[in-house]
PDB file of N, CA and C in Angstrom:
ATOM      1  N   MET A   1      45.176 -11.318  49.799  1.00  0.00           N
ATOM      2  CA  MET A   1      44.461 -11.149  48.501  1.00  0.00           C
ATOM      3  C   MET A   1      45.182 -10.129  47.718  1.00  0.00           C
ATOM      4  N   LYS A   2      45.033 -10.248  46.396  1.00  0.00           N
ATOM      5  CA  LYS A   2      45.617  -9.352  45.510  1.00  0.00           C
ATOM      6  C   LYS A   2      44.814  -8.054  45.515  1.00  0.00           C
ATOM      7  N   ASN A   3      45.566  -6.936  45.162  1.00  0.00           N
ATOM      8  CA  ASN A   3      44.861  -5.655  45.032  1.00  0.00           C
ATOM      9  C   ASN A   3      44.357  -5.429  43.622  1.00  0.00           C
ATOM     10  N   GLN A   4      44.863  -6.224  42.669  1.00  0.00           N
ATOM     11  CA  GLN A   4      44.555  -5.953  41.228  1.00  0.00           C
ATOM     12  C   GLN A   4      43.501  -7.144  40.881  1.00  0.00           C
ATOM     13  N   PRO A   5      42.841  -6.813  39.837  1.00  0.00           N
ATOM     14  CA  PRO A   5      41.797  -7.727  39.285  1.00  0.00           C
ATOM     15  C   PRO A   5      42.465  -9.074  38.864  1.00  0.00           C
ATOM     16  N   TYR A   6      41.798 -10.197  39.006  1.00  0.00           N
ATOM     17  CA  TYR A   6      42.186 -11.455  38.603  1.00  0.00           C
ATOM     18  C   TYR A   6      42.022 -11.524  37.082  1.00  0.00           C
ATOM     19  N   GLN A   7      42.957 -12.319  36.454  1.00  0.00           N
ATOM     20  CA  GLN A   7      42.952 -12.503  34.998  1.00  0.00           C
ATOM     21  C   GLN A   7      42.003 -13.704  34.614  1.00  0.00           C
ATOM     22  N   CYS A   8      41.873 -14.605  35.546  1.00  0.00           N
ATOM     23  CA  CYS A   8      41.003 -15.820  35.264  1.00  0.00           C
ATOM     24  C   CYS A   8      40.817 -16.533  36.629  1.00  0.00           C
ATOM     25  N   GLY A   9      40.093 -17.679  36.546  1.00  0.00           N
ATOM     26  CA  GLY A   9      39.761 -18.524  37.673  1.00  0.00           C
ATOM     27  C   GLY A   9      41.044 -19.105  38.386  1.00  0.00           C
ATOM     28  N   ILE A  10      41.924 -19.504  37.551  1.00  0.00           N
ATOM     29  CA  ILE A  10      43.161 -20.147  38.085  1.00  0.00           C
ATOM     30  C   ILE A  10      43.945 -19.096  38.825  1.00  0.00           C
ATOM     31  N   ASP A  11      43.983 -17.843  38.347  1.00  0.00           N
ATOM     32  CA  ASP A  11      44.684 -16.780  39.018  1.00  0.00           C
ATOM     33  C   ASP A  11      44.058 -16.525  40.413  1.00  0.00           C
ATOM     34  N   ALA A  12      42.696 -16.540  40.434  1.00  0.00           N
ATOM     35  CA  ALA A  12      41.990 -16.334  41.854  1.00  0.00           C
ATOM     36  C   ALA A  12      42.318 -17.613  42.645  1.00  0.00           C
ATOM     37  N   ALA A  13      42.400 -18.795  42.145  1.00  0.00           N
ATOM     38  CA  ALA A  13      42.561 -19.920  42.982  1.00  0.00           C
ATOM     39  C   ALA A  13      44.030 -19.946  43.590  1.00  0.00           C
ATOM     40  N   ILE A  14      44.981 -19.670  42.683  1.00  0.00           N
ATOM     41  CA  ILE A  14      46.370 -19.732  43.032  1.00  0.00           C
ATOM     42  C   ILE A  14      46.590 -18.599  44.118  1.00  0.00           C
ATOM     43  N   ASP A  15      45.947 -17.519  44.036  1.00  0.00           N
ATOM     44  CA  ASP A  15      46.186 -16.448  45.006  1.00  0.00           C
ATOM     45  C   ASP A  15      45.818 -16.915  46.498  1.00  0.00           C
ATOM     46  N   VAL A  16      44.881 -17.951  46.566  1.00  0.00           N
ATOM     47  CA  VAL A  16      44.390 -18.444  47.840  1.00  0.00           C
ATOM     48  C   VAL A  16      45.467 -19.493  48.446  1.00  0.00           C
ATOM     49  N   ILE A  17      45.875 -20.291  47.384  1.00  0.00           N
ATOM     50  CA  ILE A  17      46.741 -21.431  47.870  1.00  0.00           C
ATOM     51  C   ILE A  17      48.242 -21.318  47.610  1.00  0.00           C
ATOM     52  N   GLU A  18      48.701 -20.147  47.142  1.00  0.00           N
ATOM     53  CA  GLU A  18      50.107 -19.898  46.887  1.00  0.00           C
ATOM     54  C   GLU A  18      50.938 -20.123  48.123  1.00  0.00           C
ATOM     55  N   GLY A  19      52.123 -20.602  47.916  1.00  0.00           N
ATOM     56  CA  GLY A  19      53.059 -20.760  48.992  1.00  0.00           C
ATOM     57  C   GLY A  19      53.256 -22.249  49.263  1.00  0.00           C
ATOM     58  N   LYS A  20      54.259 -22.567  49.939  1.00  0.00           N
ATOM     59  CA  LYS A  20      54.619 -23.973  50.149  1.00  0.00           C
ATOM     60  C   LYS A  20      53.640 -24.668  51.128  1.00  0.00           C
ATOM     61  N   TRP A  21      53.052 -24.086  52.117  1.00  0.00           N
ATOM     62  CA  TRP A  21      52.374 -24.690  53.152  1.00  0.00           C
ATOM     63  C   TRP A  21      50.785 -24.659  53.093  1.00  0.00           C
ATOM     64  N   LYS A  22      50.264 -23.814  52.435  1.00  0.00           N
ATOM     65  CA  LYS A  22      48.819 -23.713  52.474  1.00  0.00           C
ATOM     66  C   LYS A  22      48.082 -25.064  52.001  1.00  0.00           C
ATOM     67  N   VAL A  23      48.497 -25.589  50.837  1.00  0.00           N
ATOM     68  CA  VAL A  23      47.833 -26.827  50.314  1.00  0.00           C
ATOM     69  C   VAL A  23      48.132 -27.901  51.388  1.00  0.00           C
ATOM     70  N   LEU A  24      49.243 -28.025  52.010  1.00  0.00           N
ATOM     71  CA  LEU A  24      49.460 -29.051  52.977  1.00  0.00           C
ATOM     72  C   LEU A  24      48.628 -28.849  54.210  1.00  0.00           C
ATOM     73  N   ILE A  25      48.383 -27.586  54.634  1.00  0.00           N
ATOM     74  CA  ILE A  25      47.497 -27.310  55.756  1.00  0.00           C
ATOM     75  C   ILE A  25      46.125 -27.781  55.363  1.00  0.00           C
ATOM     76  N   LEU A  26      45.688 -27.418  54.143  1.00  0.00           N
ATOM     77  CA  LEU A  26      44.336 -27.819  53.706  1.00  0.00           C
ATOM     78  C   LEU A  26      44.187 -29.358  53.771  1.00  0.00           C
ATOM     79  N   TRP A  27      45.215 -30.041  53.305  1.00  0.00           N
ATOM     80  CA  TRP A  27      45.179 -31.441  53.251  1.00  0.00           C
ATOM     81  C   TRP A  27      45.115 -32.076  54.685  1.00  0.00           C
ATOM     82  N   ALA A  28      45.884 -31.467  55.566  1.00  0.00           N
ATOM     83  CA  ALA A  28      45.890 -31.856  56.965  1.00  0.00           C
ATOM     84  C   ALA A  28      44.550 -31.668  57.644  1.00  0.00           C
ATOM     85  N   LEU A  29      43.781 -30.787  57.206  1.00  0.00           N
ATOM     86  CA  LEU A  29      42.399 -30.519  57.769  1.00  0.00           C
ATOM     87  C   LEU A  29      41.358 -31.161  57.046  1.00  0.00           C
ATOM     88  N   HIS A  30      41.578 -32.014  55.989  1.00  0.00           N
ATOM     89  CA  HIS A  30      40.486 -32.466  55.118  1.00  0.00           C
ATOM     90  C   HIS A  30      39.660 -33.475  55.806  1.00  0.00           C
ATOM     91  N   ASP A  31      40.114 -34.199  56.843  1.00  0.00           N
ATOM     92  CA  ASP A  31      39.311 -35.173  57.513  1.00  0.00           C
ATOM     93  C   ASP A  31      38.916 -34.932  58.897  1.00  0.00           C
ATOM     94  N   ALA A  32      39.488 -33.843  59.445  1.00  0.00           N
ATOM     95  CA  ALA A  32      39.346 -33.694  60.890  1.00  0.00           C
ATOM     96  C   ALA A  32      39.589 -32.240  61.343  1.00  0.00           C
ATOM     97  N   THR A  33      38.945 -31.837  62.468  1.00  0.00           N
ATOM     98  CA  THR A  33      39.321 -30.618  63.120  1.00  0.00           C
ATOM     99  C   THR A  33      40.620 -30.803  63.827  1.00  0.00           C
ATOM    100  N   ARG A  34      41.509 -29.866  63.730  1.00  0.00           N
ATOM    101  CA  ARG A  34      42.832 -30.048  64.396  1.00  0.00           C
ATOM    102  C   ARG A  34      43.224 -28.855  65.263  1.00  0.00           C
ATOM    103  N   ARG A  35      43.893 -29.212  66.263  1.00  0.00           N
ATOM    104  CA  ARG A  35      44.491 -28.140  67.140  1.00  0.00           C
ATOM    105  C   ARG A  35      45.862 -27.712  66.481  1.00  0.00           C
ATOM    106  N   PHE A  36      46.360 -26.524  66.838  1.00  0.00           N
ATOM    107  CA  PHE A  36      47.577 -25.981  66.361  1.00  0.00           C
ATOM    108  C   PHE A  36      48.720 -27.016  66.490  1.00  0.00           C
ATOM    109  N   GLY A  37      48.875 -27.587  67.596  1.00  0.00           N
ATOM    110  CA  GLY A  37      50.011 -28.435  67.889  1.00  0.00           C
ATOM    111  C   GLY A  37      49.890 -29.694  66.947  1.00  0.00           C
ATOM    112  N   GLU A  38      48.672 -30.169  66.786  1.00  0.00           N
ATOM    113  CA  GLU A  38      48.545 -31.319  65.799  1.00  0.00           C
ATOM    114  C   GLU A  38      49.033 -30.898  64.434  1.00  0.00           C
ATOM    115  N   LEU A  39      48.660 -29.710  64.025  1.00  0.00           N
ATOM    116  CA  LEU A  39      48.997 -29.322  62.659  1.00  0.00           C
ATOM    117  C   LEU A  39      50.522 -29.212  62.511  1.00  0.00           C
ATOM    118  N   ARG A  40      51.146 -28.776  63.541  1.00  0.00           N
ATOM    119  CA  ARG A  40      52.717 -28.562  63.623  1.00  0.00           C
ATOM    120  C   ARG A  40      53.304 -29.957  63.448  1.00  0.00           C
ATOM    121  N   ARG A  41      52.770 -30.997  64.124  1.00  0.00           N
ATOM    122  CA  ARG A  41      53.247 -32.339  64.092  1.00  0.00           C
ATOM    123  C   ARG A  41      53.054 -32.982  62.649  1.00  0.00           C
ATOM    124  N   LEU A  42      51.876 -32.626  62.110  1.00  0.00           N
ATOM    125  CA  LEU A  42      51.613 -33.203  60.801  1.00  0.00           C
ATOM    126  C   LEU A  42      52.347 -32.487  59.635  1.00  0.00           C
ATOM    127  N   LEU A  43      53.017 -31.356  59.892  1.00  0.00           N
ATOM    128  CA  LEU A  43      53.646 -30.541  58.907  1.00  0.00           C
ATOM    129  C   LEU A  43      55.129 -30.332  59.373  1.00  0.00           C
ATOM    130  N   PRO A  44      55.964 -31.408  59.342  1.00  0.00           N
ATOM    131  CA  PRO A  44      57.286 -31.308  59.804  1.00  0.00           C
ATOM    132  C   PRO A  44      58.053 -30.160  58.950  1.00  0.00           C
ATOM    133  N   GLY A  45      58.743 -29.380  59.595  1.00  0.00           N
ATOM    134  CA  GLY A  45      59.537 -28.328  58.956  1.00  0.00           C
ATOM    135  C   GLY A  45      58.950 -26.982  58.865  1.00  0.00           C
ATOM    136  N   ILE A  46      57.610 -26.904  59.254  1.00  0.00           N
ATOM    137  CA  ILE A  46      56.909 -25.555  59.315  1.00  0.00           C
ATOM    138  C   ILE A  46      57.214 -24.943  60.652  1.00  0.00           C
ATOM    139  N   SER A  47      57.511 -23.664  60.652  1.00  0.00           N
ATOM    140  CA  SER A  47      57.679 -22.914  61.877  1.00  0.00           C
ATOM    141  C   SER A  47      56.377 -22.462  62.475  1.00  0.00           C
ATOM    142  N   GLU A  48      56.335 -22.219  63.785  1.00  0.00           N
ATOM    143  CA  GLU A  48      55.225 -21.726  64.438  1.00  0.00           C
ATOM    144  C   GLU A  48      54.712 -20.406  63.811  1.00  0.00           C
ATOM    145  N   LYS A  49      55.667 -19.556  63.466  1.00  0.00           N
ATOM    146  CA  LYS A  49      55.270 -18.251  62.895  1.00  0.00           C
ATOM    147  C   LYS A  49      54.643 -18.402  61.592  1.00  0.00           C
ATOM    148  N   VAL A  50      55.155 -19.234  60.756  1.00  0.00           N
ATOM    149  CA  VAL A  50      54.721 -19.445  59.385  1.00  0.00           C
ATOM    150  C   VAL A  50      53.346 -20.117  59.481  1.00  0.00           C
ATOM    151  N   LEU A  51      53.122 -21.153  60.320  1.00  0.00           N
ATOM    152  CA  LEU A  51      51.883 -21.808  60.373  1.00  0.00           C
ATOM    153  C   LEU A  51      50.869 -20.869  60.913  1.00  0.00           C
ATOM    154  N   THR A  52      51.069 -19.978  61.848  1.00  0.00           N
ATOM    155  CA  THR A  52      50.227 -18.945  62.352  1.00  0.00           C
ATOM    156  C   THR A  52      49.857 -17.967  61.169  1.00  0.00           C
ATOM    157  N   GLN A  53      50.798 -17.519  60.415  1.00  0.00           N
ATOM    158  CA  GLN A  53      50.544 -16.560  59.349  1.00  0.00           C
ATOM    159  C   GLN A  53      49.640 -17.213  58.315  1.00  0.00           C
ATOM    160  N   GLN A  54      50.016 -18.546  57.895  1.00  0.00           N
ATOM    161  CA  GLN A  54      49.285 -19.176  56.794  1.00  0.00           C
ATOM    162  C   GLN A  54      47.876 -19.471  57.224  1.00  0.00           C
ATOM    163  N   LEU A  55      47.667 -19.863  58.509  1.00  0.00           N
ATOM    164  CA  LEU A  55      46.299 -20.087  59.053  1.00  0.00           C
ATOM    165  C   LEU A  55      45.495 -18.811  58.980  1.00  0.00           C
ATOM    166  N   ARG A  56      46.065 -17.743  59.407  1.00  0.00           N
ATOM    167  CA  ARG A  56      45.368 -16.397  59.378  1.00  0.00           C
ATOM    168  C   ARG A  56      44.905 -16.022  58.055  1.00  0.00           C
ATOM    169  N   GLU A  57      45.830 -16.221  57.037  1.00  0.00           N
ATOM    170  CA  GLU A  57      45.490 -15.944  55.550  1.00  0.00           C
ATOM    171  C   GLU A  57      44.380 -16.795  55.114  1.00  0.00           C
ATOM    172  N   LEU A  58      44.423 -18.078  55.439  1.00  0.00           N
ATOM    173  CA  LEU A  58      43.360 -18.942  55.067  1.00  0.00           C
ATOM    174  C   LEU A  58      41.978 -18.581  55.717  1.00  0.00           C
ATOM    175  N   GLU A  59      42.176 -18.169  56.914  1.00  0.00           N
ATOM    176  CA  GLU A  59      40.924 -17.683  57.641  1.00  0.00           C
ATOM    177  C   GLU A  59      40.283 -16.416  56.962  1.00  0.00           C
ATOM    178  N   THR A  60      41.198 -15.537  56.663  1.00  0.00           N
ATOM    179  CA  THR A  60      40.775 -14.280  55.955  1.00  0.00           C
ATOM    180  C   THR A  60      40.032 -14.638  54.603  1.00  0.00           C
ATOM    181  N   ASP A  61      40.551 -15.692  53.946  1.00  0.00           N
ATOM    182  CA  ASP A  61      39.955 -16.017  52.664  1.00  0.00           C
ATOM    183  C   ASP A  61      38.787 -16.956  52.817  1.00  0.00           C
ATOM    184  N   ASP A  62      38.264 -17.210  54.046  1.00  0.00           N
ATOM    185  CA  ASP A  62      37.125 -18.015  54.357  1.00  0.00           C
ATOM    186  C   ASP A  62      37.343 -19.448  54.017  1.00  0.00           C
ATOM    187  N   ILE A  63      38.614 -19.919  54.097  1.00  0.00           N
ATOM    188  CA  ILE A  63      38.909 -21.365  53.846  1.00  0.00           C
ATOM    189  C   ILE A  63      38.997 -22.225  55.069  1.00  0.00           C
ATOM    190  N   VAL A  64      39.511 -21.537  56.163  1.00  0.00           N
ATOM    191  CA  VAL A  64      39.661 -22.211  57.400  1.00  0.00           C
ATOM    192  C   VAL A  64      38.832 -21.446  58.439  1.00  0.00           C
ATOM    193  N   HIS A  65      38.206 -22.118  59.320  1.00  0.00           N
ATOM    194  CA  HIS A  65      37.475 -21.606  60.526  1.00  0.00           C
ATOM    195  C   HIS A  65      38.387 -21.903  61.823  1.00  0.00           C
ATOM    196  N   ARG A  66      38.489 -20.816  62.597  1.00  0.00           N
ATOM    197  CA  ARG A  66      39.202 -20.860  63.804  1.00  0.00           C
ATOM    198  C   ARG A  66      38.237 -20.735  64.989  1.00  0.00           C
ATOM    199  N   GLU A  67      38.250 -21.775  65.893  1.00  0.00           N
ATOM    200  CA  GLU A  67      37.328 -21.826  67.021  1.00  0.00           C
ATOM    201  C   GLU A  67      38.143 -21.743  68.247  1.00  0.00           C
ATOM    202  N   VAL A  68      37.867 -20.766  69.100  1.00  0.00           N
ATOM    203  CA  VAL A  68      38.623 -20.540  70.378  1.00  0.00           C
ATOM    204  C   VAL A  68      37.761 -20.975  71.515  1.00  0.00           C
ATOM    205  N   TYR A  69      38.261 -21.867  72.384  1.00  0.00           N
ATOM    206  CA  TYR A  69      37.587 -22.327  73.551  1.00  0.00           C
ATOM    207  C   TYR A  69      38.269 -21.798  74.747  1.00  0.00           C
ATOM    208  N   GLU A  70      37.536 -20.975  75.589  1.00  0.00           N
ATOM    209  CA  GLU A  70      38.136 -20.428  76.803  1.00  0.00           C
ATOM    210  C   GLU A  70      38.476 -21.486  77.748  1.00  0.00           C
ATOM    211  N   GLY A  71      39.394 -21.263  78.591  1.00  0.00           N
ATOM    212  CA  GLY A  71      39.875 -22.152  79.639  1.00  0.00           C
ATOM    213  C   GLY A  71      41.277 -22.065  79.815  1.00  0.00           C
ATOM    214  N   VAL A  72      41.780 -22.877  80.780  1.00  0.00           N
ATOM    215  CA  VAL A  72      43.222 -22.885  80.993  1.00  0.00           C
ATOM    216  C   VAL A  72      43.540 -24.317  80.790  1.00  0.00           C
ATOM    217  N   PRO A  73      44.510 -24.602  79.794  1.00  0.00           N
ATOM    218  CA  PRO A  73      44.981 -23.564  78.806  1.00  0.00           C
ATOM    219  C   PRO A  73      43.920 -23.347  77.776  1.00  0.00           C
ATOM    220  N   LEU A  74      44.153 -22.231  77.114  1.00  0.00           N
ATOM    221  CA  LEU A  74      43.245 -21.758  76.071  1.00  0.00           C
ATOM    222  C   LEU A  74      43.298 -22.890  74.897  1.00  0.00           C
ATOM    223  N   ARG A  75      42.188 -23.306  74.288  1.00  0.00           N
ATOM    224  CA  ARG A  75      42.224 -24.288  73.273  1.00  0.00           C
ATOM    225  C   ARG A  75      41.759 -23.595  71.953  1.00  0.00           C
ATOM    226  N   VAL A  76      42.453 -23.825  70.854  1.00  0.00           N
ATOM    227  CA  VAL A  76      42.070 -23.292  69.597  1.00  0.00           C
ATOM    228  C   VAL A  76      42.153 -24.396  68.515  1.00  0.00           C
ATOM    229  N   GLU A  77      40.920 -24.538  67.855  1.00  0.00           N
ATOM    230  CA  GLU A  77      40.835 -25.619  66.852  1.00  0.00           C
ATOM    231  C   GLU A  77      40.637 -24.995  65.494  1.00  0.00           C
ATOM    232  N   TYR A  78      41.041 -25.706  64.471  1.00  0.00           N
ATOM    233  CA  TYR A  78      41.002 -25.211  63.081  1.00  0.00           C
ATOM    234  C   TYR A  78      40.284 -26.337  62.293  1.00  0.00           C
ATOM    235  N   SER A  79      39.298 -25.917  61.355  1.00  0.00           N
ATOM    236  CA  SER A  79      38.602 -26.801  60.438  1.00  0.00           C
ATOM    237  C   SER A  79      38.370 -26.119  59.203  1.00  0.00           C
ATOM    238  N   LEU A  80      37.999 -26.875  58.271  1.00  0.00           N
ATOM    239  CA  LEU A  80      37.653 -26.242  56.915  1.00  0.00           C
ATOM    240  C   LEU A  80      36.170 -25.685  56.948  1.00  0.00           C
ATOM    241  N   THR A  81      36.129 -24.601  56.255  1.00  0.00           N
ATOM    242  CA  THR A  81      34.770 -24.091  56.025  1.00  0.00           C
ATOM    243  C   THR A  81      34.178 -24.891  54.807  1.00  0.00           C
ATOM    244  N   GLU A  82      32.944 -24.531  54.503  1.00  0.00           N
ATOM    245  CA  GLU A  82      32.373 -25.137  53.283  1.00  0.00           C
ATOM    246  C   GLU A  82      33.185 -24.797  52.075  1.00  0.00           C
ATOM    247  N   HIS A  83      33.550 -23.544  52.052  1.00  0.00           N
ATOM    248  CA  HIS A  83      34.450 -23.084  50.926  1.00  0.00           C
ATOM    249  C   HIS A  83      35.762 -23.768  50.921  1.00  0.00           C
ATOM    250  N   GLY A  84      36.350 -24.111  52.043  1.00  0.00           N
ATOM    251  CA  GLY A  84      37.613 -24.841  52.126  1.00  0.00           C
ATOM    252  C   GLY A  84      37.468 -26.204  51.725  1.00  0.00           C
ATOM    253  N   GLN A  85      36.319 -26.858  52.091  1.00  0.00           N
ATOM    254  CA  GLN A  85      35.991 -28.238  51.706  1.00  0.00           C
ATOM    255  C   GLN A  85      35.980 -28.351  50.128  1.00  0.00           C
ATOM    256  N   ALA A  86      35.333 -27.255  49.526  1.00  0.00           N
ATOM    257  CA  ALA A  86      35.183 -27.282  48.155  1.00  0.00           C
ATOM    258  C   ALA A  86      36.528 -27.146  47.458  1.00  0.00           C
ATOM    259  N   LEU A  87      37.338 -26.335  48.039  1.00  0.00           N
ATOM    260  CA  LEU A  87      38.768 -26.125  47.537  1.00  0.00           C
ATOM    261  C   LEU A  87      39.561 -27.512  47.641  1.00  0.00           C
ATOM    262  N   ASN A  88      39.400 -28.193  48.736  1.00  0.00           N
ATOM    263  CA  ASN A  88      40.136 -29.476  48.908  1.00  0.00           C
ATOM    264  C   ASN A  88      39.593 -30.447  47.892  1.00  0.00           C
ATOM    265  N   THR A  89      38.335 -30.434  47.535  1.00  0.00           N
ATOM    266  CA  THR A  89      37.720 -31.338  46.599  1.00  0.00           C
ATOM    267  C   THR A  89      38.356 -30.983  45.143  1.00  0.00           C
ATOM    268  N   ALA A  90      38.510 -29.704  44.968  1.00  0.00           N
ATOM    269  CA  ALA A  90      39.049 -29.331  43.661  1.00  0.00           C
ATOM    270  C   ALA A  90      40.658 -29.644  43.611  1.00  0.00           C
ATOM    271  N   LEU A  91      41.307 -29.849  44.704  1.00  0.00           N
ATOM    272  CA  LEU A  91      42.658 -30.281  44.764  1.00  0.00           C
ATOM    273  C   LEU A  91      42.893 -31.766  44.602  1.00  0.00           C
ATOM    274  N   ALA A  92      41.849 -32.478  44.886  1.00  0.00           N
ATOM    275  CA  ALA A  92      41.957 -33.961  44.897  1.00  0.00           C
ATOM    276  C   ALA A  92      42.596 -34.430  43.596  1.00  0.00           C
ATOM    277  N   PRO A  93      42.083 -34.058  42.459  1.00  0.00           N
ATOM    278  CA  PRO A  93      42.702 -34.524  41.149  1.00  0.00           C
ATOM    279  C   PRO A  93      44.164 -34.092  41.002  1.00  0.00           C
ATOM    280  N   LEU A  94      44.553 -33.020  41.570  1.00  0.00           N
ATOM    281  CA  LEU A  94      45.985 -32.561  41.546  1.00  0.00           C
ATOM    282  C   LEU A  94      46.801 -33.534  42.390  1.00  0.00           C
ATOM    283  N   SER A  95      46.287 -33.988  43.545  1.00  0.00           N
ATOM    284  CA  SER A  95      47.003 -34.957  44.340  1.00  0.00           C
ATOM    285  C   SER A  95      47.089 -36.375  43.564  1.00  0.00           C
ATOM    286  N   ALA A  96      45.988 -36.750  42.947  1.00  0.00           N
ATOM    287  CA  ALA A  96      46.120 -37.942  42.191  1.00  0.00           C
ATOM    288  C   ALA A  96      47.172 -37.905  40.978  1.00  0.00           C
ATOM    289  N   TRP A  97      47.230 -36.667  40.360  1.00  0.00           N
ATOM    290  CA  TRP A  97      48.260 -36.471  39.393  1.00  0.00           C
ATOM    291  C   TRP A  97      49.671 -36.567  40.018  1.00  0.00           C
ATOM    292  N   GLY A  98      49.851 -35.934  41.200  1.00  0.00           N
ATOM    293  CA  GLY A  98      51.191 -35.999  41.873  1.00  0.00           C
ATOM    294  C   GLY A  98      51.517 -37.393  42.220  1.00  0.00           C
ATOM    295  N   LYS A  99      50.607 -38.247  42.674  1.00  0.00           N
ATOM    296  CA  LYS A  99      50.918 -39.604  42.955  1.00  0.00           C
ATOM    297  C   LYS A  99      51.411 -40.372  41.752  1.00  0.00           C
ATOM    298  N   VAL A 100      50.768 -40.142  40.604  1.00  0.00           N
ATOM    299  CA  VAL A 100      51.309 -40.739  39.314  1.00  0.00           C
ATOM    300  C   VAL A 100      52.670 -40.238  39.045  1.00  0.00           C
ATOM    301  N   ARG A 101      52.949 -39.015  39.136  1.00  0.00           N
ATOM    302  CA  ARG A 101      54.215 -38.308  38.937  1.00  0.00           C
ATOM    303  C   ARG A 101      55.230 -39.032  39.807  1.00  0.00           C
ATOM    304  N   LEU A 102      54.950 -39.133  41.121  1.00  0.00           N
ATOM    305  CA  LEU A 102      55.901 -39.743  42.034  1.00  0.00           C
ATOM    306  C   LEU A 102      56.237 -41.231  41.551  1.00  0.00           C
ATOM    307  N   ALA A 103      55.270 -41.930  41.144  1.00  0.00           N
ATOM    308  CA  ALA A 103      55.516 -43.220  40.645  1.00  0.00           C
ATOM    309  C   ALA A 103      56.418 -43.247  39.378  1.00  0.00           C
ATOM    310  N   ARG A 104      56.171 -42.291  38.550  1.00  0.00           N
ATOM    311  CA  ARG A 104      56.942 -42.219  37.298  1.00  0.00           C
ATOM    312  C   ARG A 104      58.457 -41.818  37.672  1.00  0.00           C
ATOM    313  N   LEU A 105      58.523 -40.886  38.626  1.00  0.00           N
ATOM    314  CA  LEU A 105      59.841 -40.544  39.068  1.00  0.00           C
ATOM    315  C   LEU A 105      60.670 -41.675  39.675  1.00  0.00           C
ATOM    316  N   GLY A 106      59.902 -42.509  40.423  1.00  0.00           N
ATOM    317  CA  GLY A 106      60.461 -43.686  41.031  1.00  0.00           C
ATOM    318  C   GLY A 106      60.960 -44.700  39.922  1.00  0.00           C
ATOM    319  N   GLU A 107      60.130 -44.834  38.889  1.00  0.00           N
ATOM    320  CA  GLU A 107      60.546 -45.699  37.767  1.00  0.00           C
ATOM    321  C   GLU A 107      61.788 -45.128  37.038  1.00  0.00           C
ATOM    322  N   ALA A 108      61.889 -43.857  36.871  1.00  0.00           N
ATOM    323  CA  ALA A 108      62.958 -43.173  36.228  1.00  0.00           C
ATOM    324  C   ALA A 108      64.221 -43.325  37.061  1.00  0.00           C
ATOM    325  N   ASP A 109      64.142 -43.445  38.356  1.00  0.00           N
ATOM    326  CA  ASP A 109      65.367 -43.604  39.154  1.00  0.00           C
ATOM    327  C   ASP A 109      65.828 -45.038  39.292  1.00  0.00           C
ATOM    328  N   ALA A 110      64.875 -45.904  38.995  1.00  0.00           N
ATOM    329  CA  ALA A 110      65.227 -47.359  39.150  1.00  0.00           C
ATOM    330  C   ALA A 110      66.213 -47.797  38.093  1.00  0.00           C
ATOM    331  N   PRO A 111      67.227 -48.600  38.457  1.00  0.00           N
ATOM    332  CA  PRO A 111      68.129 -49.121  37.481  1.00  0.00           C
ATOM    333  C   PRO A 111      67.524 -49.977  36.408  1.00  0.00           C
ATOM    334  N   ALA A 112      68.017 -49.887  35.269  1.00  0.00           N
ATOM    335  CA  ALA A 112      67.404 -50.770  34.006  1.00  0.00           C
ATOM    336  C   ALA A 112      67.643 -52.132  34.401  1.00  0.00           C
ATOM    337  N   ALA A 113      66.633 -52.992  34.110  1.00  0.00           N
ATOM    338  CA  ALA A 113      66.862 -54.411  34.333  1.00  0.00           C
ATOM    339  C   ALA A 113      67.466 -55.103  33.126  1.00  0.00           C
TER     340      ALA A 113
END
């Protein structure tokens, strides 16, 4: 979290989701509780260190809930909190916009007929 006051709601929201991976982590958790290894498989290219760091930050911001189950091996599961679900709902229109953009980029790359 920032140490300085936020300028507006967008500033506060971006502070929570900034970075390459946080939004993708949120999207991976939108429909199911996931274990750490599942998240790594769903997010090709993310390192274990970065995934751990991003999950901790999201947990600190009350976006992700971390549940530890004792046993051998130790099992840890991640899910969205109510606050995280609300954030994912807010991101849905951005996803829709991105899909339209991808389609437009695909059309721009296509050779003229």
